[in-house]
């Protein structure tokens, strides 16, 4: 396959850039009189014109049942489907034969927030939430264990529905 090269000719006469400068200045003056769109972030997190989408995929959250136990049955589907290999799961079983996770960790640095873990979970235990303020002082705090996943209280994300491609 050949590469096409477009040859541009230089202007042969002297060119004045006054017209282009005036057009740029007119655009600048037009923007000076439009209303500001700056949001004072820590105090103001959304405005009537702008808010975070409900389909935003952020920090994970593990849902619990009425007794405060994790809904996870340690089936192993989420670490298997995860493309970033960021979920660590060690299953356990109690005396009644109920499965539960002994160790459940998600490395948020490795995670690509695809939402596959939420989609594949048969018990709807793990969810990606609508939370984006993730600042810590050490890298180790970005490995979320089962306790920390259960203590998350932010809203969960409503992922894209294929029957409604425009998300309305």
N, C-alpha and C. Protein backbone atom coordinates (compact mmCIF):
# COMPACT_ATOMS: atom_id res chain seq x y z
N UNK A 1 0.84 -1.17 0.00
CA UNK A 1 0.00 0.00 0.00
C UNK A 1 0.89 1.24 0.00
N UNK A 2 0.68 2.10 -0.94
CA UNK A 2 1.50 3.29 -1.08
C UNK A 2 1.01 4.39 -0.15
N UNK A 3 1.94 5.19 0.29
CA UNK A 3 1.60 6.32 1.15
C UNK A 3 1.42 7.54 0.28
N UNK A 4 0.29 8.22 0.44
CA UNK A 4 0.02 9.43 -0.33
C UNK A 4 0.63 10.64 0.32
N UNK A 5 1.30 11.45 -0.45
CA UNK A 5 1.93 12.66 0.07
C UNK A 5 1.30 13.84 -0.62
N UNK A 6 0.81 14.79 0.16
CA UNK A 6 0.21 15.99 -0.40
C UNK A 6 1.25 17.10 -0.38
N UNK A 7 1.56 17.63 -1.54
CA UNK A 7 2.55 18.70 -1.66
C UNK A 7 1.83 20.03 -1.61
N UNK A 8 2.20 20.88 -0.67
CA UNK A 8 1.57 22.18 -0.53
C UNK A 8 2.53 23.24 -1.06
N UNK A 9 1.99 24.15 -1.85
CA UNK A 9 2.82 25.22 -2.41
C UNK A 9 2.86 26.40 -1.46
N UNK A 10 3.99 27.00 -1.36
CA UNK A 10 4.13 28.20 -0.55
C UNK A 10 3.52 29.38 -1.29
N UNK A 11 3.01 30.35 -0.54
CA UNK A 11 2.49 31.55 -1.22
C UNK A 11 3.63 32.29 -1.92
N UNK A 12 3.33 32.75 -3.11
CA UNK A 12 4.37 33.41 -3.89
C UNK A 12 4.46 34.90 -3.62
N UNK A 13 3.40 35.45 -3.03
CA UNK A 13 3.44 36.88 -2.72
C UNK A 13 3.47 37.05 -1.21
N UNK A 14 3.67 38.25 -0.76
CA UNK A 14 3.74 38.56 0.66
C UNK A 14 2.34 38.41 1.27
N UNK A 15 2.23 37.68 2.38
CA UNK A 15 0.94 37.43 3.01
C UNK A 15 0.83 38.24 4.29
N UNK A 16 -0.35 38.85 4.49
CA UNK A 16 -0.60 39.60 5.71
C UNK A 16 -1.41 38.72 6.67
N UNK A 17 -0.98 38.69 7.91
CA UNK A 17 -1.67 37.88 8.91
C UNK A 17 -2.61 38.72 9.77
N UNK A 18 -2.92 39.91 9.36
CA UNK A 18 -3.79 40.79 10.12
C UNK A 18 -5.19 40.19 10.20
N UNK A 19 -5.69 39.68 9.09
CA UNK A 19 -7.05 39.11 9.06
C UNK A 19 -7.15 37.93 10.03
N UNK A 20 -6.17 37.03 10.03
CA UNK A 20 -6.19 35.88 10.92
C UNK A 20 -6.07 36.33 12.38
N UNK A 21 -5.27 37.35 12.64
CA UNK A 21 -5.13 37.88 13.99
C UNK A 21 -6.44 38.47 14.48
N UNK A 22 -7.13 39.22 13.63
CA UNK A 22 -8.40 39.83 14.01
C UNK A 22 -9.47 38.76 14.27
N UNK A 23 -9.47 37.69 13.48
CA UNK A 23 -10.43 36.61 13.71
C UNK A 23 -10.17 35.94 15.05
N UNK A 24 -8.90 35.74 15.39
CA UNK A 24 -8.56 35.15 16.68
C UNK A 24 -8.95 36.04 17.84
N UNK A 25 -8.73 37.34 17.69
CA UNK A 25 -9.10 38.28 18.75
C UNK A 25 -10.62 38.35 18.92
N UNK A 26 -11.36 38.27 17.81
CA UNK A 26 -12.82 38.29 17.88
C UNK A 26 -13.32 37.07 18.65
N UNK A 27 -12.73 35.93 18.41
CA UNK A 27 -13.12 34.73 19.13
C UNK A 27 -12.82 34.87 20.63
N UNK A 28 -11.67 35.46 20.94
CA UNK A 28 -11.31 35.68 22.34
C UNK A 28 -12.29 36.62 23.02
N UNK A 29 -12.65 37.72 22.37
CA UNK A 29 -13.59 38.67 22.96
C UNK A 29 -14.97 38.05 23.11
N UNK A 30 -15.36 37.18 22.18
CA UNK A 30 -16.65 36.51 22.29
C UNK A 30 -16.71 35.64 23.55
N UNK A 31 -15.63 34.93 23.85
CA UNK A 31 -15.59 34.07 25.02
C UNK A 31 -15.49 34.87 26.32
N UNK A 32 -15.02 36.11 26.25
CA UNK A 32 -14.92 36.93 27.46
C UNK A 32 -16.29 37.27 28.03
N UNK A 33 -17.31 37.34 27.18
CA UNK A 33 -18.64 37.76 27.62
C UNK A 33 -19.60 36.59 27.83
N UNK A 34 -19.14 35.36 27.65
CA UNK A 34 -19.97 34.20 27.94
C UNK A 34 -19.87 33.88 29.43
N UNK A 35 -20.88 33.21 30.00
CA UNK A 35 -20.82 32.89 31.44
C UNK A 35 -19.70 31.89 31.72
N UNK A 36 -19.15 31.96 32.93
CA UNK A 36 -18.06 31.09 33.33
C UNK A 36 -18.58 29.68 33.60
N UNK A 37 -17.74 28.70 33.36
CA UNK A 37 -18.11 27.31 33.60
C UNK A 37 -17.24 26.67 34.67
N UNK A 38 -16.45 27.46 35.36
CA UNK A 38 -15.57 26.93 36.40
C UNK A 38 -16.40 26.51 37.61
N UNK A 39 -16.10 25.33 38.14
CA UNK A 39 -16.80 24.83 39.31
C UNK A 39 -15.80 24.80 40.46
N UNK A 40 -16.19 25.29 41.62
CA UNK A 40 -15.32 25.29 42.79
C UNK A 40 -15.38 23.90 43.39
N UNK A 41 -14.44 23.02 42.98
CA UNK A 41 -14.58 21.58 43.20
C UNK A 41 -14.80 21.09 44.63
N UNK A 42 -13.95 21.32 45.57
CA UNK A 42 -14.21 20.61 46.84
C UNK A 42 -15.53 21.00 47.47
N UNK A 43 -15.92 22.27 47.34
CA UNK A 43 -17.18 22.71 47.94
C UNK A 43 -18.38 22.35 47.07
N UNK A 44 -18.21 22.41 45.77
CA UNK A 44 -19.32 22.21 44.83
C UNK A 44 -18.96 21.04 43.92
N UNK A 45 -19.67 19.92 44.06
CA UNK A 45 -19.32 18.72 43.30
C UNK A 45 -20.15 18.54 42.05
N UNK A 46 -21.27 19.23 41.95
CA UNK A 46 -22.07 19.17 40.72
C UNK A 46 -22.90 20.44 40.62
N UNK A 47 -23.33 20.73 39.42
CA UNK A 47 -24.18 21.88 39.16
C UNK A 47 -25.41 21.38 38.40
N UNK A 48 -26.41 22.23 38.23
CA UNK A 48 -27.56 21.80 37.43
C UNK A 48 -27.18 21.46 35.99
N UNK A 49 -26.12 22.10 35.48
CA UNK A 49 -25.70 21.84 34.10
C UNK A 49 -24.79 20.63 33.99
N UNK A 50 -24.08 20.27 35.07
CA UNK A 50 -23.11 19.18 35.01
C UNK A 50 -23.20 18.33 36.26
N UNK A 51 -23.28 17.03 36.05
CA UNK A 51 -23.20 16.08 37.16
C UNK A 51 -22.55 14.80 36.64
N UNK A 52 -22.04 14.00 37.54
CA UNK A 52 -21.37 12.76 37.18
C UNK A 52 -22.39 11.76 36.67
N UNK A 53 -22.07 11.06 35.61
CA UNK A 53 -22.98 10.08 35.02
C UNK A 53 -23.22 8.92 35.98
N UNK A 54 -24.42 8.37 35.98
CA UNK A 54 -24.73 7.22 36.81
C UNK A 54 -24.03 5.96 36.30
N UNK A 55 -23.52 6.00 35.07
CA UNK A 55 -22.80 4.86 34.52
C UNK A 55 -21.30 4.95 34.80
N UNK A 56 -20.86 5.96 35.54
CA UNK A 56 -19.45 6.10 35.89
C UNK A 56 -19.01 4.89 36.70
N UNK A 57 -17.87 4.33 36.37
CA UNK A 57 -17.36 3.17 37.09
C UNK A 57 -16.15 3.59 37.90
N UNK A 58 -16.31 3.57 39.21
CA UNK A 58 -15.23 3.98 40.10
C UNK A 58 -14.89 2.88 41.09
N UNK A 59 -14.63 3.26 42.32
CA UNK A 59 -14.18 2.35 43.36
C UNK A 59 -15.20 1.24 43.62
N UNK A 60 -14.69 0.05 43.90
CA UNK A 60 -15.54 -1.12 44.12
C UNK A 60 -16.24 -1.09 45.47
N UNK A 61 -17.30 -1.86 45.54
CA UNK A 61 -18.08 -1.98 46.77
C UNK A 61 -18.63 -3.39 46.86
N UNK A 62 -18.55 -4.01 48.04
CA UNK A 62 -19.08 -5.35 48.27
C UNK A 62 -20.36 -5.21 49.08
N UNK A 63 -21.45 -5.75 48.56
CA UNK A 63 -22.73 -5.67 49.26
C UNK A 63 -22.82 -6.76 50.32
N UNK A 64 -23.59 -6.49 51.37
CA UNK A 64 -23.74 -7.43 52.47
C UNK A 64 -25.21 -7.82 52.63
N UNK A 65 -25.44 -8.92 53.34
CA UNK A 65 -26.81 -9.35 53.61
C UNK A 65 -27.30 -8.73 54.93
N UNK A 66 -28.45 -9.21 55.44
CA UNK A 66 -29.05 -8.63 56.64
C UNK A 66 -28.18 -8.84 57.88
N UNK A 67 -27.42 -9.94 57.93
CA UNK A 67 -26.57 -10.22 59.09
C UNK A 67 -25.22 -9.49 59.02
N UNK A 68 -24.97 -8.75 57.96
CA UNK A 68 -23.71 -8.04 57.82
C UNK A 68 -22.62 -8.86 57.18
N UNK A 69 -22.94 -10.07 56.69
CA UNK A 69 -21.96 -10.90 56.00
C UNK A 69 -21.94 -10.54 54.52
N UNK A 70 -20.84 -10.82 53.90
CA UNK A 70 -20.69 -10.56 52.48
C UNK A 70 -21.63 -11.46 51.67
N UNK A 71 -22.20 -10.90 50.60
CA UNK A 71 -23.06 -11.69 49.73
C UNK A 71 -22.25 -12.65 48.85
N UNK A 72 -20.95 -12.46 48.80
CA UNK A 72 -20.08 -13.26 47.94
C UNK A 72 -20.09 -14.72 48.37
N UNK A 73 -20.21 -15.62 47.39
CA UNK A 73 -20.19 -17.07 47.65
C UNK A 73 -18.88 -17.69 47.17
N UNK A 74 -17.89 -16.88 46.87
CA UNK A 74 -16.56 -17.32 46.46
C UNK A 74 -16.61 -18.31 45.30
N UNK A 75 -17.39 -17.96 44.27
CA UNK A 75 -17.51 -18.85 43.11
C UNK A 75 -16.27 -18.79 42.23
N UNK A 76 -15.53 -17.69 42.27
CA UNK A 76 -14.30 -17.56 41.51
C UNK A 76 -14.49 -17.03 40.10
N UNK A 77 -15.67 -16.53 39.78
CA UNK A 77 -15.89 -16.01 38.44
C UNK A 77 -15.23 -14.64 38.24
N UNK A 78 -15.26 -13.80 39.27
CA UNK A 78 -14.70 -12.45 39.09
C UNK A 78 -13.19 -12.45 38.86
N UNK A 79 -12.39 -13.23 39.61
CA UNK A 79 -10.96 -13.23 39.27
C UNK A 79 -10.67 -13.89 37.93
N UNK A 80 -11.56 -14.77 37.51
CA UNK A 80 -11.36 -15.45 36.24
C UNK A 80 -11.66 -14.54 35.05
N UNK A 81 -12.65 -13.66 35.18
CA UNK A 81 -13.05 -12.80 34.07
C UNK A 81 -12.23 -11.52 34.02
N UNK A 82 -11.58 -11.15 35.12
CA UNK A 82 -10.88 -9.87 35.22
C UNK A 82 -9.72 -9.80 34.22
N UNK A 83 -9.76 -8.85 33.26
CA UNK A 83 -8.67 -8.75 32.28
C UNK A 83 -7.38 -8.20 32.87
N UNK A 84 -7.45 -7.47 33.97
CA UNK A 84 -6.25 -6.89 34.58
C UNK A 84 -5.65 -7.78 35.65
N UNK A 85 -6.32 -8.88 35.98
CA UNK A 85 -5.85 -9.82 36.99
C UNK A 85 -5.60 -9.10 38.33
N UNK A 86 -6.55 -8.29 38.76
CA UNK A 86 -6.37 -7.49 39.97
C UNK A 86 -7.16 -8.03 41.16
N UNK A 87 -7.93 -9.11 40.99
CA UNK A 87 -8.74 -9.64 42.07
C UNK A 87 -8.11 -10.92 42.60
N UNK A 88 -7.94 -10.96 43.93
CA UNK A 88 -7.40 -12.15 44.59
C UNK A 88 -8.51 -12.72 45.47
N UNK A 89 -8.84 -14.00 45.27
CA UNK A 89 -9.92 -14.64 46.00
C UNK A 89 -9.45 -15.99 46.51
N UNK A 90 -9.62 -16.21 47.83
CA UNK A 90 -9.34 -17.50 48.43
C UNK A 90 -10.65 -17.97 49.06
N UNK A 91 -11.26 -19.05 48.52
CA UNK A 91 -12.56 -19.48 49.05
C UNK A 91 -12.42 -20.29 50.33
N UNK A 92 -13.48 -20.26 51.10
CA UNK A 92 -13.55 -21.06 52.33
C UNK A 92 -14.95 -21.62 52.47
N UNK A 93 -15.13 -22.53 53.41
CA UNK A 93 -16.43 -23.16 53.61
C UNK A 93 -16.67 -23.33 55.11
N UNK A 94 -17.89 -23.00 55.55
CA UNK A 94 -18.19 -23.16 56.97
C UNK A 94 -18.74 -24.55 57.25
N UNK A 95 -19.14 -24.82 58.50
CA UNK A 95 -19.59 -26.16 58.89
C UNK A 95 -20.92 -26.56 58.25
N UNK A 96 -21.68 -25.58 57.77
CA UNK A 96 -22.96 -25.89 57.12
C UNK A 96 -22.81 -26.08 55.61
N UNK A 97 -21.61 -25.93 55.10
CA UNK A 97 -21.36 -26.11 53.67
C UNK A 97 -21.52 -24.84 52.86
N UNK A 98 -21.69 -23.71 53.51
CA UNK A 98 -21.82 -22.43 52.81
C UNK A 98 -20.43 -21.90 52.46
N UNK A 99 -20.27 -21.50 51.21
CA UNK A 99 -18.99 -20.95 50.76
C UNK A 99 -18.95 -19.45 51.05
N UNK A 100 -17.75 -18.99 51.40
CA UNK A 100 -17.53 -17.57 51.64
C UNK A 100 -16.06 -17.27 51.35
N UNK A 101 -15.73 -16.02 51.10
CA UNK A 101 -14.33 -15.69 50.82
C UNK A 101 -13.50 -15.55 52.09
N UNK A 102 -12.42 -16.31 52.17
CA UNK A 102 -11.47 -16.11 53.27
C UNK A 102 -10.67 -14.84 53.02
N UNK A 103 -10.20 -14.71 51.79
CA UNK A 103 -9.46 -13.51 51.37
C UNK A 103 -10.09 -13.01 50.07
N UNK A 104 -10.45 -11.74 50.04
CA UNK A 104 -10.96 -11.11 48.82
C UNK A 104 -10.29 -9.74 48.75
N UNK A 105 -9.44 -9.54 47.76
CA UNK A 105 -8.71 -8.29 47.61
C UNK A 105 -8.81 -7.80 46.17
N UNK A 106 -8.94 -6.51 46.02
CA UNK A 106 -8.92 -5.87 44.70
C UNK A 106 -7.83 -4.81 44.72
N UNK A 107 -6.89 -4.91 43.79
CA UNK A 107 -5.83 -3.91 43.65
C UNK A 107 -6.35 -2.81 42.72
N UNK A 108 -6.70 -1.67 43.30
CA UNK A 108 -7.30 -0.58 42.52
C UNK A 108 -6.30 0.05 41.55
N UNK A 109 -5.00 -0.10 41.79
CA UNK A 109 -4.01 0.41 40.84
C UNK A 109 -4.01 -0.41 39.55
N UNK A 110 -4.19 -1.70 39.66
CA UNK A 110 -4.18 -2.56 38.48
C UNK A 110 -5.51 -2.56 37.76
N UNK A 111 -6.58 -2.28 38.49
CA UNK A 111 -7.93 -2.36 37.93
C UNK A 111 -8.12 -1.36 36.80
N UNK A 112 -8.82 -1.79 35.75
CA UNK A 112 -9.12 -0.90 34.63
C UNK A 112 -10.58 -0.46 34.66
N UNK A 113 -11.31 -0.81 35.72
CA UNK A 113 -12.68 -0.38 35.96
C UNK A 113 -13.59 -0.70 34.77
N UNK A 114 -13.49 -1.94 34.31
CA UNK A 114 -14.30 -2.37 33.17
C UNK A 114 -15.70 -2.79 33.58
N UNK A 115 -15.87 -3.23 34.82
CA UNK A 115 -17.18 -3.64 35.31
C UNK A 115 -17.52 -5.09 35.03
N UNK A 116 -16.57 -5.87 34.50
CA UNK A 116 -16.84 -7.28 34.22
C UNK A 116 -17.14 -8.06 35.51
N UNK A 117 -16.47 -7.71 36.60
CA UNK A 117 -16.71 -8.41 37.86
C UNK A 117 -18.16 -8.22 38.31
N UNK A 118 -18.70 -7.04 38.10
CA UNK A 118 -20.09 -6.78 38.47
C UNK A 118 -21.05 -7.55 37.57
N UNK A 119 -20.73 -7.62 36.30
CA UNK A 119 -21.62 -8.28 35.35
C UNK A 119 -21.66 -9.80 35.56
N UNK A 120 -20.53 -10.40 35.93
CA UNK A 120 -20.44 -11.85 36.00
C UNK A 120 -20.90 -12.40 37.35
N UNK A 121 -21.01 -11.58 38.38
CA UNK A 121 -21.32 -12.05 39.73
C UNK A 121 -22.74 -12.60 39.81
N UNK A 122 -22.91 -13.90 40.15
CA UNK A 122 -24.26 -14.48 40.19
C UNK A 122 -25.07 -14.00 41.39
N UNK A 123 -24.40 -13.55 42.45
CA UNK A 123 -25.10 -13.10 43.65
C UNK A 123 -25.22 -11.57 43.71
N UNK A 124 -24.70 -10.89 42.70
CA UNK A 124 -24.67 -9.43 42.67
C UNK A 124 -24.04 -8.87 43.94
N UNK A 125 -22.90 -9.45 44.31
CA UNK A 125 -22.21 -9.05 45.53
C UNK A 125 -21.25 -7.90 45.30
N UNK A 126 -20.48 -7.94 44.22
CA UNK A 126 -19.48 -6.91 43.95
C UNK A 126 -20.05 -5.91 42.95
N UNK A 127 -19.83 -4.64 43.22
CA UNK A 127 -20.30 -3.58 42.33
C UNK A 127 -19.21 -2.55 42.18
N UNK A 128 -19.19 -1.91 41.01
CA UNK A 128 -18.35 -0.73 40.85
C UNK A 128 -19.22 0.45 41.20
N UNK A 129 -18.69 1.37 41.96
CA UNK A 129 -19.50 2.46 42.47
C UNK A 129 -19.29 3.76 41.74
N UNK A 130 -20.13 4.72 42.06
CA UNK A 130 -20.02 6.05 41.49
C UNK A 130 -19.19 6.88 42.48
N UNK A 131 -17.89 6.60 42.50
CA UNK A 131 -16.99 7.26 43.44
C UNK A 131 -15.65 7.46 42.74
N UNK A 132 -15.13 8.67 42.81
CA UNK A 132 -13.91 8.95 42.07
C UNK A 132 -12.84 9.62 42.92
N UNK A 133 -13.09 9.91 44.17
CA UNK A 133 -12.11 10.59 45.00
C UNK A 133 -11.26 9.56 45.73
N UNK A 134 -10.23 9.10 45.07
CA UNK A 134 -9.37 8.06 45.62
C UNK A 134 -7.97 8.61 45.84
N UNK A 135 -7.76 9.22 46.98
CA UNK A 135 -6.41 9.70 47.29
C UNK A 135 -5.97 9.08 48.59
N UNK A 136 -4.75 8.59 48.58
CA UNK A 136 -4.16 7.96 49.76
C UNK A 136 -2.72 8.42 49.88
N UNK A 137 -2.12 8.17 51.04
CA UNK A 137 -0.74 8.55 51.27
C UNK A 137 0.23 7.41 50.99
N UNK A 138 -0.27 6.19 50.84
CA UNK A 138 0.63 5.07 50.53
C UNK A 138 -0.02 4.16 49.50
N UNK A 139 0.81 3.47 48.74
CA UNK A 139 0.31 2.59 47.68
C UNK A 139 -0.44 1.39 48.25
N UNK A 140 -0.06 0.95 49.43
CA UNK A 140 -0.70 -0.21 50.04
C UNK A 140 -2.17 0.01 50.36
N UNK A 141 -2.58 1.27 50.51
CA UNK A 141 -3.98 1.56 50.81
C UNK A 141 -4.89 1.39 49.59
N UNK A 142 -4.30 1.18 48.43
CA UNK A 142 -5.11 0.96 47.23
C UNK A 142 -5.44 -0.51 47.00
N UNK A 143 -5.01 -1.38 47.87
CA UNK A 143 -5.42 -2.78 47.83
C UNK A 143 -6.59 -2.90 48.81
N UNK A 144 -7.80 -3.02 48.25
CA UNK A 144 -9.00 -3.06 49.07
C UNK A 144 -9.27 -4.49 49.49
N UNK A 145 -9.30 -4.75 50.80
CA UNK A 145 -9.62 -6.08 51.29
C UNK A 145 -11.13 -6.17 51.52
N UNK A 146 -11.59 -7.33 51.97
CA UNK A 146 -13.02 -7.58 52.12
C UNK A 146 -13.65 -6.61 53.12
N UNK A 147 -12.96 -6.32 54.20
CA UNK A 147 -13.48 -5.40 55.21
C UNK A 147 -13.71 -4.01 54.63
N UNK A 148 -12.72 -3.53 53.89
CA UNK A 148 -12.83 -2.19 53.32
C UNK A 148 -13.87 -2.15 52.20
N UNK A 149 -13.98 -3.22 51.43
CA UNK A 149 -15.00 -3.26 50.38
C UNK A 149 -16.41 -3.22 50.98
N UNK A 150 -16.59 -3.88 52.10
CA UNK A 150 -17.90 -3.89 52.74
C UNK A 150 -18.22 -2.56 53.41
N UNK A 151 -17.21 -1.81 53.80
CA UNK A 151 -17.45 -0.54 54.49
C UNK A 151 -17.74 0.61 53.52
N UNK A 152 -17.59 0.40 52.22
CA UNK A 152 -17.88 1.45 51.24
C UNK A 152 -19.38 1.73 51.25
N UNK A 153 -19.77 3.01 51.23
CA UNK A 153 -21.18 3.36 51.30
C UNK A 153 -21.66 4.16 50.09
N UNK A 154 -20.81 4.37 49.11
CA UNK A 154 -21.21 5.17 47.96
C UNK A 154 -22.20 4.42 47.09
N UNK A 155 -22.87 5.16 46.23
CA UNK A 155 -23.87 4.56 45.34
C UNK A 155 -23.18 3.65 44.32
N UNK A 156 -23.92 2.66 43.82
CA UNK A 156 -23.36 1.75 42.84
C UNK A 156 -23.69 2.25 41.43
N UNK A 157 -22.88 1.83 40.48
CA UNK A 157 -23.01 2.26 39.10
C UNK A 157 -24.08 1.44 38.39
N UNK A 158 -24.81 2.09 37.51
CA UNK A 158 -25.73 1.38 36.63
C UNK A 158 -25.02 1.26 35.29
N UNK A 159 -24.53 0.07 35.01
CA UNK A 159 -23.73 -0.12 33.80
C UNK A 159 -24.59 0.00 32.55
N UNK A 160 -23.94 0.05 31.42
CA UNK A 160 -24.60 0.23 30.15
C UNK A 160 -25.52 -0.94 29.85
N UNK A 161 -26.74 -0.63 29.42
CA UNK A 161 -27.73 -1.63 29.10
C UNK A 161 -27.73 -1.81 27.57
N UNK A 162 -27.42 -3.00 27.04
CA UNK A 162 -27.37 -3.17 25.60
C UNK A 162 -28.70 -2.92 24.90
N UNK A 163 -29.83 -3.09 25.61
CA UNK A 163 -31.12 -2.82 24.98
C UNK A 163 -31.38 -1.33 24.85
N UNK A 164 -30.60 -0.51 25.54
CA UNK A 164 -30.73 0.94 25.47
C UNK A 164 -29.38 1.56 25.15
N UNK A 165 -28.93 1.51 23.90
CA UNK A 165 -27.55 1.89 23.56
C UNK A 165 -27.24 3.36 23.82
N UNK A 166 -28.23 4.24 23.82
CA UNK A 166 -27.94 5.65 24.04
C UNK A 166 -27.93 5.99 25.52
N UNK A 167 -28.35 5.07 26.38
CA UNK A 167 -28.30 5.30 27.82
C UNK A 167 -29.36 6.23 28.32
N UNK A 168 -30.51 6.26 27.69
CA UNK A 168 -31.59 7.18 28.12
C UNK A 168 -32.61 6.47 28.96
